[in-house]
Amino acid sequence: MSPAMAAQIDWATVGEFCPDRFIGEARNEYEDEARRIQQQWDNQPN
């Protein structure tokens, strides 16, 4: 499973992100996806 997919699954199942299990480039990919998901969430109409 890619770090980006892990970020999506963490958000969908746990409701938070857990980047500590990744290091280096994988952690960067996870955090990039987490930011993208958070931006989408923040931009939803109320």
C-alpha atoms as a PDB file:
ATOM      1  CA  MET A   1       0.000   0.000   0.000  1.00  0.00           C
ATOM      2  CA  SER A   2       1.321   3.413  -0.939  1.00  0.00           C
ATOM      3  CA  PRO A   3       1.735   6.110   1.718  1.00  0.00           C
ATOM      4  CA  ALA A   4      -0.918   8.191  -0.069  1.00  0.00           C
ATOM      5  CA  MET A   5      -3.404   5.314   0.125  1.00  0.00           C
ATOM      6  CA  ALA A   6      -2.533   4.811   3.796  1.00  0.00           C
ATOM      7  CA  ALA A   7      -3.357   8.481   4.462  1.00  0.00           C
ATOM      8  CA  GLN A   8      -6.759   8.069   2.799  1.00  0.00           C
ATOM      9  CA  ILE A   9      -7.505   4.908   4.785  1.00  0.00           C
ATOM     10  CA  ASP A  10      -6.374   6.499   8.064  1.00  0.00           C
ATOM     11  CA  TRP A  11      -8.650   9.492   7.467  1.00  0.00           C
ATOM     12  CA  ALA A  12     -11.606   7.295   6.507  1.00  0.00           C
ATOM     13  CA  THR A  13     -11.262   4.795   9.356  1.00  0.00           C
ATOM     14  CA  VAL A  14      -9.574   6.624  12.240  1.00  0.00           C
ATOM     15  CA  GLY A  15     -10.374  10.237  11.408  1.00  0.00           C
ATOM     16  CA  GLU A  16      -6.790  11.376  11.811  1.00  0.00           C
ATOM     17  CA  PHE A  17      -3.406  11.003  10.163  1.00  0.00           C
ATOM     18  CA  CYS A  18      -0.505   8.919  11.523  1.00  0.00           C
ATOM     19  CA  PRO A  19       2.650   9.816   9.560  1.00  0.00           C
ATOM     20  CA  ASP A  20       5.004   8.468  12.257  1.00  0.00           C
ATOM     21  CA  ARG A  21       5.045   4.993  10.717  1.00  0.00           C
ATOM     22  CA  PHE A  22       6.706   6.336   7.552  1.00  0.00           C
ATOM     23  CA  ILE A  23      10.187   7.774   7.059  1.00  0.00           C
ATOM     24  CA  GLY A  24      11.953   9.729   4.360  1.00  0.00           C
ATOM     25  CA  GLU A  25      10.250  10.096   0.995  1.00  0.00           C
ATOM     26  CA  ALA A  26       7.364   7.831   2.056  1.00  0.00           C
ATOM     27  CA  ARG A  27       6.581  10.168   4.949  1.00  0.00           C
ATOM     28  CA  ASN A  28       6.674  13.154   2.596  1.00  0.00           C
ATOM     29  CA  GLU A  29       4.196  11.412   0.281  1.00  0.00           C
ATOM     30  CA  TYR A  30       1.918  10.587   3.231  1.00  0.00           C
ATOM     31  CA  GLU A  31       2.029  14.177   4.520  1.00  0.00           C
ATOM     32  CA  ASP A  32       1.374  15.603   1.036  1.00  0.00           C
ATOM     33  CA  GLU A  33      -1.721  13.422   0.700  1.00  0.00           C
ATOM     34  CA  ALA A  34      -2.833  14.336   4.230  1.00  0.00           C
ATOM     35  CA  ARG A  35      -2.601  18.050   3.321  1.00  0.00           C
ATOM     36  CA  ARG A  36      -4.573  17.460   0.120  1.00  0.00           C
ATOM     37  CA  ILE A  37      -7.318  15.603   2.007  1.00  0.00           C
ATOM     38  CA  GLN A  38      -7.434  18.286   4.706  1.00  0.00           C
ATOM     39  CA  GLN A  39      -7.769  21.042   2.093  1.00  0.00           C
ATOM     40  CA  GLN A  40     -10.649  19.195   0.421  1.00  0.00           C
ATOM     41  CA  TRP A  41     -12.323  18.746   3.805  1.00  0.00           C
ATOM     42  CA  ASP A  42     -11.854  22.424   4.714  1.00  0.00           C
ATOM     43  CA  ASN A  43     -13.262  23.583   1.354  1.00  0.00           C
ATOM     44  CA  GLN A  44     -16.563  21.713   1.681  1.00  0.00           C
ATOM     45  CA  PRO A  45     -19.637  23.948   1.895  1.00  0.00           C
ATOM     46  CA  ASN A  46     -21.311  24.053   5.307  1.00  0.00           C
END
